[in-house]
C-alpha atoms as a PDB file:
ATOM      1  CA  MET A   1      56.908  44.792  89.499  1.00  0.00           C
ATOM      2  CA  SER A   2      57.114  41.140  88.406  1.00  0.00           C
ATOM      3  CA  PHE A   3      54.406  39.394  86.398  1.00  0.00           C
ATOM      4  CA  ARG A   4      53.815  37.058  89.368  1.00  0.00           C
ATOM      5  CA  VAL A   5      53.214  39.976  91.769  1.00  0.00           C
ATOM      6  CA  LYS A   6      50.918  41.670  89.269  1.00  0.00           C
ATOM      7  CA  SER A   7      48.946  38.442  88.878  1.00  0.00           C
ATOM      8  CA  ILE A   8      48.556  38.068  92.651  1.00  0.00           C
ATOM      9  CA  LEU A   9      47.422  41.680  93.026  1.00  0.00           C
ATOM     10  CA  LEU A  10      44.935  41.218  90.197  1.00  0.00           C
ATOM     11  CA  LEU A  11      43.590  38.071  91.873  1.00  0.00           C
ATOM     12  CA  VAL A  12      43.234  39.936  95.186  1.00  0.00           C
ATOM     13  CA  LEU A  13      41.294  42.718  93.456  1.00  0.00           C
ATOM     14  CA  VAL A  14      39.009  40.212  91.735  1.00  0.00           C
ATOM     15  CA  LEU A  15      38.349  38.374  95.011  1.00  0.00           C
ATOM     16  CA  ALA A  16      37.700  41.672  96.804  1.00  0.00           C
ATOM     17  CA  ALA A  17      35.222  42.633  94.112  1.00  0.00           C
ATOM     18  CA  ASP A  18      33.463  39.279  94.526  1.00  0.00           C
ATOM     19  CA  VAL A  19      33.277  39.712  98.311  1.00  0.00           C
ATOM     20  CA  SER A  20      31.962  43.248  97.878  1.00  0.00           C
ATOM     21  CA  ALA A  21      29.347  42.025  95.413  1.00  0.00           C
ATOM     22  CA  ASN A  22      28.230  39.368  97.891  1.00  0.00           C
ATOM     23  CA  LYS A  23      27.715  42.055 100.535  1.00  0.00           C
ATOM     24  CA  ARG A  24      25.400  44.213  98.488  1.00  0.00           C
ATOM     25  CA  TYR A  25      21.721  44.306  99.399  1.00  0.00           C
ATOM     26  CA  THR A  26      18.600  46.058  98.179  1.00  0.00           C
ATOM     27  CA  LEU A  27      16.969  48.872 100.147  1.00  0.00           C
ATOM     28  CA  PRO A  28      13.165  48.719  99.993  1.00  0.00           C
ATOM     29  CA  HIS A  29      12.199  52.375  99.957  1.00  0.00           C
ATOM     30  CA  MET A  30       9.475  54.971  99.574  1.00  0.00           C
ATOM     31  CA  VAL A  31      10.053  58.532  98.345  1.00  0.00           C
ATOM     32  CA  THR A  32       7.296  61.174  98.399  1.00  0.00           C
ATOM     33  CA  THR A  33       7.418  64.795  97.261  1.00  0.00           C
ATOM     34  CA  TYR A  34       5.235  67.590  98.690  1.00  0.00           C
ATOM     35  CA  ARG A  35       4.899  71.330  98.161  1.00  0.00           C
ATOM     36  CA  GLU A  36       5.653  73.672 101.064  1.00  0.00           C
ATOM     37  CA  ASP A  37       5.510  77.425 100.459  1.00  0.00           C
ATOM     38  CA  LYS A  38       7.938  78.071  97.581  1.00  0.00           C
ATOM     39  CA  LEU A  39       9.876  74.846  98.104  1.00  0.00           C
ATOM     40  CA  ILE A  40       9.310  71.139  97.724  1.00  0.00           C
ATOM     41  CA  VAL A  41       9.843  68.656 100.535  1.00  0.00           C
ATOM     42  CA  VAL A  42      11.315  65.281  99.620  1.00  0.00           C
ATOM     43  CA  GLU A  43      10.650  62.634 102.265  1.00  0.00           C
ATOM     44  CA  MET A  44      12.370  59.295 102.025  1.00  0.00           C
ATOM     45  CA  SER A  45      12.091  56.202 104.183  1.00  0.00           C
ATOM     46  CA  TYR A  46      13.967  53.000 103.565  1.00  0.00           C
ATOM     47  CA  ALA A  47      14.445  49.634 105.247  1.00  0.00           C
ATOM     48  CA  ILE A  48      17.957  48.311 105.944  1.00  0.00           C
ATOM     49  CA  PRO A  49      18.092  44.501 106.358  1.00  0.00           C
ATOM     50  CA  ARG A  50      19.661  43.454 109.645  1.00  0.00           C
ATOM     51  CA  ALA A  51      21.270  40.542 107.787  1.00  0.00           C
ATOM     52  CA  GLY A  52      23.272  43.025 105.716  1.00  0.00           C
ATOM     53  CA  ILE A  53      24.833  45.002 108.560  1.00  0.00           C
ATOM     54  CA  ALA A  54      26.632  44.313 111.837  1.00  0.00           C
ATOM     55  CA  ALA A  55      25.125  45.147 115.208  1.00  0.00           C
ATOM     56  CA  SER A  56      27.194  47.465 117.378  1.00  0.00           C
ATOM     57  CA  GLY A  57      27.874  47.052 121.086  1.00  0.00           C
ATOM     58  CA  GLY A  58      25.670  43.979 121.413  1.00  0.00           C
ATOM     59  CA  ASN A  59      22.484  45.958 120.659  1.00  0.00           C
ATOM     60  CA  ARG A  60      20.590  44.949 117.509  1.00  0.00           C
ATOM     61  CA  ASP A  61      19.408  48.529 116.941  1.00  0.00           C
ATOM     62  CA  ASN A  62      22.874  50.091 117.281  1.00  0.00           C
ATOM     63  CA  VAL A  63      24.705  50.487 113.986  1.00  0.00           C
ATOM     64  CA  ARG A  64      27.984  51.759 112.539  1.00  0.00           C
ATOM     65  CA  ILE A  65      27.002  52.901 109.085  1.00  0.00           C
ATOM     66  CA  GLU A  66      27.632  55.752 106.688  1.00  0.00           C
ATOM     67  CA  GLN A  67      24.676  57.291 104.912  1.00  0.00           C
ATOM     68  CA  THR A  68      25.054  59.513 101.841  1.00  0.00           C
ATOM     69  CA  ILE A  69      22.320  61.481 100.065  1.00  0.00           C
ATOM     70  CA  SER A  70      22.876  63.247  96.758  1.00  0.00           C
ATOM     71  CA  VAL A  71      20.406  65.232  94.651  1.00  0.00           C
ATOM     72  CA  VAL A  72      21.086  66.484  91.111  1.00  0.00           C
ATOM     73  CA  ASP A  73      18.814  68.085  88.532  1.00  0.00           C
ATOM     74  CA  ARG A  74      18.362  66.703  85.020  1.00  0.00           C
ATOM     75  CA  LEU A  75      21.340  68.765  83.812  1.00  0.00           C
ATOM     76  CA  GLY A  76      23.616  67.218  86.420  1.00  0.00           C
ATOM     77  CA  ASN A  77      23.778  70.262  88.702  1.00  0.00           C
ATOM     78  CA  SER A  78      24.136  69.326  92.373  1.00  0.00           C
ATOM     79  CA  TYR A  79      21.431  70.679  94.709  1.00  0.00           C
ATOM     80  CA  HIS A  80      22.064  68.629  97.832  1.00  0.00           C
ATOM     81  CA  SER A  81      24.808  66.449  99.231  1.00  0.00           C
ATOM     82  CA  SER A  82      24.932  65.139 102.787  1.00  0.00           C
ATOM     83  CA  PHE A  83      26.841  62.601 104.839  1.00  0.00           C
ATOM     84  CA  ALA A  84      25.844  61.117 108.189  1.00  0.00           C
ATOM     85  CA  ARG A  85      26.815  58.338 110.574  1.00  0.00           C
ATOM     86  CA  PRO A  86      23.709  57.385 112.572  1.00  0.00           C
ATOM     87  CA  THR A  87      24.447  55.197 115.572  1.00  0.00           C
ATOM     88  CA  SER A  88      20.955  53.866 116.293  1.00  0.00           C
ATOM     89  CA  LEU A  89      17.923  53.166 114.116  1.00  0.00           C
ATOM     90  CA  PRO A  90      14.456  51.897 115.106  1.00  0.00           C
ATOM     91  CA  PRO A  91      13.096  48.594 113.800  1.00  0.00           C
ATOM     92  CA  ALA A  92      10.832  48.866 110.756  1.00  0.00           C
ATOM     93  CA  GLY A  93       8.031  47.274 112.772  1.00  0.00           C
ATOM     94  CA  SER A  94       7.235  45.009 115.680  1.00  0.00           C
ATOM     95  CA  THR A  95       5.963  41.914 113.902  1.00  0.00           C
ATOM     96  CA  SER A  96       7.227  39.194 111.560  1.00  0.00           C
ATOM     97  CA  ILE A  97       9.334  40.382 108.625  1.00  0.00           C
ATOM     98  CA  ARG A  98       9.462  44.040 109.698  1.00  0.00           C
ATOM     99  CA  ARG A  99      11.525  43.148 112.774  1.00  0.00           C
ATOM    100  CA  ASN A 100      14.303  42.023 110.455  1.00  0.00           C
ATOM    101  CA  TYR A 101      14.780  45.560 109.113  1.00  0.00           C
ATOM    102  CA  LEU A 102      15.867  48.901 110.530  1.00  0.00           C
ATOM    103  CA  LEU A 103      14.000  52.024 109.451  1.00  0.00           C
ATOM    104  CA  ALA A 104      15.758  55.158 108.218  1.00  0.00           C
ATOM    105  CA  HIS A 105      13.835  58.355 107.481  1.00  0.00           C
ATOM    106  CA  GLU A 106      15.133  61.619 106.027  1.00  0.00           C
ATOM    107  CA  GLN A 107      13.642  64.879 104.753  1.00  0.00           C
ATOM    108  CA  ILE A 108      15.180  67.585 102.558  1.00  0.00           C
ATOM    109  CA  ARG A 109      13.860  70.851 101.078  1.00  0.00           C
ATOM    110  CA  LEU A 110      14.638  71.955  97.527  1.00  0.00           C
ATOM    111  CA  PRO A 111      13.554  74.534  94.928  1.00  0.00           C
ATOM    112  CA  PRO A 112      10.741  73.162  92.710  1.00  0.00           C
ATOM    113  CA  ASN A 113      12.259  71.115  89.884  1.00  0.00           C
ATOM    114  CA  GLU A 114      12.758  67.550  88.701  1.00  0.00           C
ATOM    115  CA  TYR A 115      15.594  65.735  90.452  1.00  0.00           C
ATOM    116  CA  ASP A 116      17.472  62.467  90.636  1.00  0.00           C
ATOM    117  CA  LEU A 117      17.851  61.301  94.236  1.00  0.00           C
ATOM    118  CA  TYR A 118      20.649  58.887  95.159  1.00  0.00           C
ATOM    119  CA  VAL A 119      20.904  57.281  98.605  1.00  0.00           C
ATOM    120  CA  GLY A 120      23.692  54.971  99.747  1.00  0.00           C
ATOM    121  CA  VAL A 121      24.415  53.074 102.974  1.00  0.00           C
ATOM    122  CA  ARG A 122      27.721  51.415 103.934  1.00  0.00           C
ATOM    123  CA  ASP A 123      28.415  49.364 107.041  1.00  0.00           C
ATOM    124  CA  LEU A 124      31.743  50.425 108.561  1.00  0.00           C
ATOM    125  CA  LYS A 125      32.443  46.987 110.051  1.00  0.00           C
ATOM    126  CA  VAL A 126      31.505  44.410 107.402  1.00  0.00           C
ATOM    127  CA  ARG A 127      31.733  46.851 104.443  1.00  0.00           C
ATOM    128  CA  SER A 128      28.330  45.859 103.089  1.00  0.00           C
ATOM    129  CA  THR A 129      26.532  48.413 100.926  1.00  0.00           C
ATOM    130  CA  GLY A 130      23.001  49.244  99.846  1.00  0.00           C
ATOM    131  CA  SER A 131      21.654  51.973  97.593  1.00  0.00           C
ATOM    132  CA  PHE A 132      18.651  53.210  95.657  1.00  0.00           C
ATOM    133  CA  HIS A 133      17.749  55.858  93.096  1.00  0.00           C
ATOM    134  CA  SER A 134      14.470  57.743  92.710  1.00  0.00           C
ATOM    135  CA  ILE A 135      13.172  60.524  90.457  1.00  0.00           C
ATOM    136  CA  CYS A 136      11.438  63.388  92.299  1.00  0.00           C
ATOM    137  CA  ARG A 137       9.031  65.751  90.543  1.00  0.00           C
ATOM    138  CA  ALA A 138       7.439  68.900  91.957  1.00  0.00           C
ATOM    139  CA  PRO A 139       3.635  68.515  92.163  1.00  0.00           C
ATOM    140  CA  GLY A 140       1.265  71.342  91.214  1.00  0.00           C
ATOM    141  CA  GLU A 141       3.643  73.275  88.966  1.00  0.00           C
ATOM    142  CA  GLY A 142       2.179  76.206  87.028  1.00  0.00           C
ATOM    143  CA  GLY A 143      -0.842  76.476  89.313  1.00  0.00           C
ATOM    144  CA  ARG A 144      -2.437  73.297  87.976  1.00  0.00           C
ATOM    145  CA  PHE A 145      -4.531  71.056  90.206  1.00  0.00           C
ATOM    146  CA  ASP A 146      -2.408  68.139  91.352  1.00  0.00           C
ATOM    147  CA  ILE A 147      -1.793  65.666  94.156  1.00  0.00           C
ATOM    148  CA  SER A 148       1.391  64.512  95.856  1.00  0.00           C
ATOM    149  CA  ASP A 149       2.950  61.083  95.693  1.00  0.00           C
ATOM    150  CA  LEU A 150       1.103  58.490  97.767  1.00  0.00           C
ATOM    151  CA  GLN A 151       2.749  57.552 101.055  1.00  0.00           C
ATOM    152  CA  LEU A 152       2.079  54.061 102.380  1.00  0.00           C
ATOM    153  CA  ALA A 153       1.931  53.697 106.154  1.00  0.00           C
ATOM    154  CA  THR A 154       1.159  51.052 108.744  1.00  0.00           C
ATOM    155  CA  GLN A 155      -0.616  53.628 110.921  1.00  0.00           C
ATOM    156  CA  ILE A 156      -1.562  57.308 110.856  1.00  0.00           C
ATOM    157  CA  ILE A 157      -2.627  59.069 114.052  1.00  0.00           C
ATOM    158  CA  SER A 158      -4.470  62.413 113.958  1.00  0.00           C
ATOM    159  CA  PRO A 159      -4.131  65.121 116.622  1.00  0.00           C
ATOM    160  CA  ARG A 160      -7.087  65.209 119.000  1.00  0.00           C
ATOM    161  CA  ASP A 161      -7.922  68.909 119.119  1.00  0.00           C
ATOM    162  CA  GLU A 162      -6.114  70.366 116.120  1.00  0.00           C
ATOM    163  CA  VAL A 163      -6.672  70.582 112.398  1.00  0.00           C
ATOM    164  CA  ALA A 164      -4.623  67.818 110.798  1.00  0.00           C
ATOM    165  CA  THR A 165      -1.450  68.905 109.005  1.00  0.00           C
ATOM    166  CA  ARG A 166       1.430  66.897 107.616  1.00  0.00           C
ATOM    167  CA  GLN A 167       3.557  68.238 110.475  1.00  0.00           C
ATOM    168  CA  ASN A 168       1.265  67.133 113.334  1.00  0.00           C
ATOM    169  CA  LEU A 169       0.111  63.799 111.930  1.00  0.00           C
ATOM    170  CA  VAL A 170       1.981  60.780 113.275  1.00  0.00           C
ATOM    171  CA  ILE A 171       2.749  58.718 110.178  1.00  0.00           C
ATOM    172  CA  HIS A 172       4.450  55.321 110.434  1.00  0.00           C
ATOM    173  CA  PRO A 173       5.881  54.831 106.923  1.00  0.00           C
ATOM    174  CA  ASN A 174       6.018  51.392 105.341  1.00  0.00           C
ATOM    175  CA  PRO A 175       8.933  51.297 102.875  1.00  0.00           C
ATOM    176  CA  LEU A 176       8.680  47.491 102.803  1.00  0.00           C
ATOM    177  CA  ARG A 177       5.229  47.908 101.163  1.00  0.00           C
ATOM    178  CA  LEU A 178       4.267  44.736 102.990  1.00  0.00           C
ATOM    179  CA  TYR A 179       0.982  44.112 104.839  1.00  0.00           C
ATOM    180  CA  ARG A 180      -0.375  41.051 106.544  1.00  0.00           C
ATOM    181  CA  LYS A 181      -4.015  40.123 106.209  1.00  0.00           C
ATOM    182  CA  GLY A 182      -5.782  41.594 109.210  1.00  0.00           C
ATOM    183  CA  GLU A 183      -3.742  44.789 109.028  1.00  0.00           C
ATOM    184  CA  ARG A 184      -4.961  47.984 107.395  1.00  0.00           C
ATOM    185  CA  VAL A 185      -3.290  49.949 104.635  1.00  0.00           C
ATOM    186  CA  PHE A 186      -2.959  53.691 105.300  1.00  0.00           C
ATOM    187  CA  VAL A 187      -2.305  56.096 102.425  1.00  0.00           C
ATOM    188  CA  PHE A 188      -1.455  59.780 102.907  1.00  0.00           C
ATOM    189  CA  LEU A 189      -1.631  62.458 100.200  1.00  0.00           C
ATOM    190  CA  GLU A 190      -1.838  66.216  99.712  1.00  0.00           C
ATOM    191  CA  LEU A 191      -3.830  68.188  97.126  1.00  0.00           C
ATOM    192  CA  TYR A 192      -2.688  71.435  95.516  1.00  0.00           C
ATOM    193  CA  ASN A 193      -4.319  74.409  93.763  1.00  0.00           C
ATOM    194  CA  LEU A 194      -7.923  73.607  94.649  1.00  0.00           C
ATOM    195  CA  HIS A 195     -10.493  76.140  93.412  1.00  0.00           C
ATOM    196  CA  ARG A 196     -12.623  78.029  95.956  1.00  0.00           C
ATOM    197  CA  ASP A 197     -16.251  78.814  95.114  1.00  0.00           C
ATOM    198  CA  GLU A 198     -18.012  82.109  95.880  1.00  0.00           C
ATOM    199  CA  PHE A 199     -18.488  80.973  99.492  1.00  0.00           C
ATOM    200  CA  GLY A 200     -14.787  80.232  99.973  1.00  0.00           C
ATOM    201  CA  GLN A 201     -15.289  76.476  99.968  1.00  0.00           C
ATOM    202  CA  THR A 202     -13.493  73.786  98.008  1.00  0.00           C
ATOM    203  CA  GLN A 203     -14.985  70.480  96.923  1.00  0.00           C
ATOM    204  CA  PHE A 204     -13.028  67.547  95.638  1.00  0.00           C
ATOM    205  CA  GLU A 205     -13.503  63.851  95.063  1.00  0.00           C
ATOM    206  CA  ILE A 206     -11.055  61.005  95.479  1.00  0.00           C
ATOM    207  CA  ALA A 207     -11.866  57.769  93.692  1.00  0.00           C
ATOM    208  CA  TYR A 208      -9.797  54.628  94.023  1.00  0.00           C
ATOM    209  CA  ARG A 209      -9.542  51.221  92.484  1.00  0.00           C
ATOM    210  CA  MET A 210      -7.565  48.095  93.308  1.00  0.00           C
ATOM    211  CA  ALA A 211      -5.955  46.086  90.517  1.00  0.00           C
ATOM    212  CA  ARG A 212      -3.086  43.719  89.829  1.00  0.00           C
ATOM    213  CA  PRO A 213      -0.020  45.492  88.407  1.00  0.00           C
ATOM    214  CA  VAL A 214       1.392  44.465  85.056  1.00  0.00           C
ATOM    215  CA  GLU A 215       4.810  42.820  85.064  1.00  0.00           C
ATOM    216  CA  GLN A 216       6.568  45.960  83.821  1.00  0.00           C
ATOM    217  CA  GLU A 217       5.421  47.890  86.911  1.00  0.00           C
ATOM    218  CA  LEU A 218       7.170  45.558  89.351  1.00  0.00           C
ATOM    219  CA  GLN A 219      10.581  46.713  90.564  1.00  0.00           C
ATOM    220  CA  ILE A 220      12.514  44.160  92.576  1.00  0.00           C
ATOM    221  CA  GLU A 221      14.292  46.846  94.638  1.00  0.00           C
ATOM    222  CA  LEU A 222      10.956  48.030  96.078  1.00  0.00           C
ATOM    223  CA  PHE A 223      10.134  44.750  97.780  1.00  0.00           C
ATOM    224  CA  GLU A 224      11.622  42.397 100.339  1.00  0.00           C
ATOM    225  CA  SER A 225      10.751  39.644  97.848  1.00  0.00           C
ATOM    226  CA  LEU A 226       8.907  39.501  94.560  1.00  0.00           C
ATOM    227  CA  GLN A 227       7.560  35.998  95.070  1.00  0.00           C
ATOM    228  CA  ARG A 228       3.850  36.128  94.342  1.00  0.00           C
ATOM    229  CA  ASN A 229       1.041  33.683  93.942  1.00  0.00           C
ATOM    230  CA  SER A 230      -0.881  32.896  90.777  1.00  0.00           C
ATOM    231  CA  SER A 231      -4.336  34.003  91.942  1.00  0.00           C
ATOM    232  CA  TYR A 232      -4.537  36.938  89.509  1.00  0.00           C
ATOM    233  CA  ASP A 233      -7.911  35.806  88.214  1.00  0.00           C
ATOM    234  CA  GLU A 234      -9.684  35.434  91.533  1.00  0.00           C
ATOM    235  CA  GLU A 235     -13.081  37.084  91.732  1.00  0.00           C
ATOM    236  CA  ASP A 236     -13.439  40.163  93.876  1.00  0.00           C
ATOM    237  CA  SER A 237     -16.311  39.990  96.322  1.00  0.00           C
ATOM    238  CA  GLY A 238     -17.358  43.527  95.391  1.00  0.00           C
ATOM    239  CA  GLN A 239     -16.863  44.701  98.965  1.00  0.00           C
ATOM    240  CA  SER A 240     -15.827  48.248  99.782  1.00  0.00           C
ATOM    241  CA  TYR A 241     -12.261  48.254 101.095  1.00  0.00           C
ATOM    242  CA  LEU A 242     -12.353  51.891 102.179  1.00  0.00           C
ATOM    243  CA  VAL A 243     -12.741  52.569 105.898  1.00  0.00           C
ATOM    244  CA  PRO A 244     -14.683  55.807 106.615  1.00  0.00           C
ATOM    245  CA  SER A 245     -12.384  58.711 107.422  1.00  0.00           C
ATOM    246  CA  LYS A 246     -12.224  59.828 111.058  1.00  0.00           C
ATOM    247  CA  HIS A 247     -10.092  62.951 110.723  1.00  0.00           C
ATOM    248  CA  ARG A 248     -12.441  65.353 108.935  1.00  0.00           C
ATOM    249  CA  GLN A 249     -16.080  66.188 108.310  1.00  0.00           C
ATOM    250  CA  GLY A 250     -17.959  66.543 105.034  1.00  0.00           C
ATOM    251  CA  VAL A 251     -17.097  63.119 103.681  1.00  0.00           C
ATOM    252  CA  ARG A 252     -19.449  61.052 101.546  1.00  0.00           C
ATOM    253  CA  ILE A 253     -18.521  57.592 100.288  1.00  0.00           C
ATOM    254  CA  GLU A 254     -20.328  55.917  97.428  1.00  0.00           C
ATOM    255  CA  LYS A 255     -19.554  52.957  95.201  1.00  0.00           C
ATOM    256  CA  THR A 256     -19.733  54.142  91.607  1.00  0.00           C
ATOM    257  CA  TRP A 257     -19.498  50.754  89.952  1.00  0.00           C
ATOM    258  CA  ALA A 258     -18.294  47.267  90.764  1.00  0.00           C
ATOM    259  CA  GLY A 259     -17.172  44.034  89.180  1.00  0.00           C
ATOM    260  CA  ARG A 260     -14.107  41.847  89.197  1.00  0.00           C
ATOM    261  CA  GLU A 261     -11.018  42.924  91.090  1.00  0.00           C
ATOM    262  CA  GLY A 262      -9.595  45.942  89.293  1.00  0.00           C
ATOM    263  CA  GLN A 263     -13.069  46.957  88.129  1.00  0.00           C
ATOM    264  CA  THR A 264     -14.333  48.342  91.421  1.00  0.00           C
ATOM    265  CA  THR A 265     -14.174  52.105  91.894  1.00  0.00           C
ATOM    266  CA  ILE A 266     -15.085  53.837  95.150  1.00  0.00           C
ATOM    267  CA  ALA A 267     -15.529  57.624  95.222  1.00  0.00           C
ATOM    268  CA  THR A 268     -15.188  59.822  98.309  1.00  0.00           C
ATOM    269  CA  GLN A 269     -16.219  63.494  98.282  1.00  0.00           C
ATOM    270  CA  TYR A 270     -14.706  66.135 100.563  1.00  0.00           C
ATOM    271  CA  VAL A 271     -15.505  69.737 101.463  1.00  0.00           C
ATOM    272  CA  GLY A 272     -12.799  72.127 102.648  1.00  0.00           C
ATOM    273  CA  ASP A 273     -11.798  75.772 102.669  1.00  0.00           C
ATOM    274  CA  ALA A 274      -8.106  75.748 101.674  1.00  0.00           C
ATOM    275  CA  THR A 275      -6.516  75.716  98.233  1.00  0.00           C
ATOM    276  CA  GLN A 276      -3.986  73.211  99.588  1.00  0.00           C
ATOM    277  CA  ASP A 277      -5.508  70.296 101.463  1.00  0.00           C
ATOM    278  CA  LEU A 278      -4.637  66.828 102.674  1.00  0.00           C
ATOM    279  CA  THR A 279      -6.301  63.602 103.552  1.00  0.00           C
ATOM    280  CA  TYR A 280      -5.450  60.029 104.325  1.00  0.00           C
ATOM    281  CA  LEU A 281      -7.318  56.864 103.466  1.00  0.00           C
ATOM    282  CA  GLU A 282      -7.567  53.656 105.446  1.00  0.00           C
ATOM    283  CA  PHE A 283      -8.185  50.333 103.703  1.00  0.00           C
ATOM    284  CA  ASP A 284      -9.368  47.012 105.090  1.00  0.00           C
ATOM    285  CA  ILE A 285      -7.545  44.352 103.059  1.00  0.00           C
ATOM    286  CA  ALA A 286      -8.948  41.268 104.777  1.00  0.00           C
ATOM    287  CA  GLN A 287     -10.648  40.167 101.546  1.00  0.00           C
ATOM    288  CA  LEU A 288      -7.739  40.885  99.205  1.00  0.00           C
ATOM    289  CA  ALA A 289      -5.955  37.865  97.739  1.00  0.00           C
ATOM    290  CA  ASP A 290      -2.307  37.289  98.610  1.00  0.00           C
ATOM    291  CA  GLY A 291       0.197  38.874  96.277  1.00  0.00           C
ATOM    292  CA  ILE A 292       1.035  42.274  94.861  1.00  0.00           C
ATOM    293  CA  HIS A 293      -1.667  44.894  94.317  1.00  0.00           C
ATOM    294  CA  LYS A 294      -1.796  48.296  92.668  1.00  0.00           C
ATOM    295  CA  LEU A 295      -3.842  51.061  94.279  1.00  0.00           C
ATOM    296  CA  THR A 296      -4.753  53.934  91.951  1.00  0.00           C
ATOM    297  CA  LEU A 297      -6.228  57.202  93.262  1.00  0.00           C
ATOM    298  CA  ILE A 298      -8.009  59.647  90.947  1.00  0.00           C
ATOM    299  CA  ALA A 299      -8.572  63.081  92.502  1.00  0.00           C
ATOM    300  CA  THR A 300     -11.011  65.547  90.923  1.00  0.00           C
ATOM    301  CA  ASP A 301     -11.506  69.225  91.728  1.00  0.00           C
ATOM    302  CA  LEU A 302     -15.313  69.313  91.498  1.00  0.00           C
ATOM    303  CA  ALA A 303     -15.314  73.058  90.760  1.00  0.00           C
ATOM    304  CA  THR A 304     -13.066  72.882  87.691  1.00  0.00           C
ATOM    305  CA  LYS A 305     -13.334  69.152  86.847  1.00  0.00           C
ATOM    306  CA  GLU A 306      -9.525  68.955  86.709  1.00  0.00           C
ATOM    307  CA  MET A 307      -8.147  65.522  87.563  1.00  0.00           C
ATOM    308  CA  ALA A 308      -4.879  64.097  88.880  1.00  0.00           C
ATOM    309  CA  THR A 309      -3.876  60.452  89.257  1.00  0.00           C
ATOM    310  CA  ARG A 310      -1.270  58.611  91.327  1.00  0.00           C
ATOM    311  CA  SER A 311      -0.634  54.914  91.938  1.00  0.00           C
ATOM    312  CA  VAL A 312       1.253  52.878  94.514  1.00  0.00           C
ATOM    313  CA  ILE A 313       2.079  49.173  94.731  1.00  0.00           C
ATOM    314  CA  PHE A 314       2.012  47.030  97.878  1.00  0.00           C
ATOM    315  CA  ARG A 315       2.032  43.372  98.819  1.00  0.00           C
ATOM    316  CA  VAL A 316      -0.375  41.313 100.944  1.00  0.00           C
ATOM    317  CA  ILE A 317       0.752  38.138 102.731  1.00  0.00           C
ATOM    318  CA  GLU A 318      -0.781  35.666 105.130  1.00  0.00           C
ATOM    319  CA  PRO A 319       0.234  36.303 108.768  1.00  0.00           C
ATOM    320  CA  LEU A 320       3.455  34.485 109.654  1.00  0.00           C
ATOM    321  CA  PRO A 321       4.174  32.772 112.974  1.00  0.00           C
ATOM    322  CA  GLU A 322       5.748  35.312 115.318  1.00  0.00           C
ATOM    323  CA  LYS A 323       9.054  33.394 115.416  1.00  0.00           C
ATOM    324  CA  TYR A 324       9.636  34.668 111.883  1.00  0.00           C
END
């Protein structure tokens, strides 16, 4: 092969790499891990930007994509590998920015362990690609009191005449982590290894606080955009963001102490009868400043005083005109 031909081929490869790089996009995502019998359930939802993929057959929700999911343990052993070609995906929401994304949701079951999860998406027409990586850890190992990851949602609907379970709740996940003022933030979680008293009851408390995350906690791949305002020092009005729970009895809400934003803690106490329980919280964010916020939940088993903590980050924006 002549030097000229080699040079042309090399140029073609370089240009192809540049084109491929220009067609890469981030996948805002949310991964939560739960316990179920002797397994763990890994739920993942992610938002695919419409601008990064081609519509199929003239329908904006029809797609021609390849989806790959791979799970390996910390030693590199493969525990799951799957390949799919979905042909239709629902929009990530009905308003503003969410309409510009398609929502994908998957669930896999694994033996309890710590795993690396890799998800990739490739458009078969324009060859664009998106991917993300997440670390999944089994909650409640060794019988210790623990809580699951926190799942952000735009809405959670309870069954009318049944005890709420993760299987019968209707949860609309929000992998974009984006909320407009006037909307409410829903957060779902499960609790594990609660201690029953002599009457067979469990008692636990969930406290929460809102704060601004530090710069190191912000990951660009989690958000549609990381633009944020400079109102980090705004005073908090001291209001209670928590909306009283409607899906269970035996709930008491009290403000334990208050101050500036990030220094307000609200505690909610629950009574149950199962060693594994669940709840979801609903927050009114009308008074939150624009920008990115960190919600921290501290769960306490009131019988043993064991505690578990989880945090999740979301963004608040002013409502946009519907044309956006």
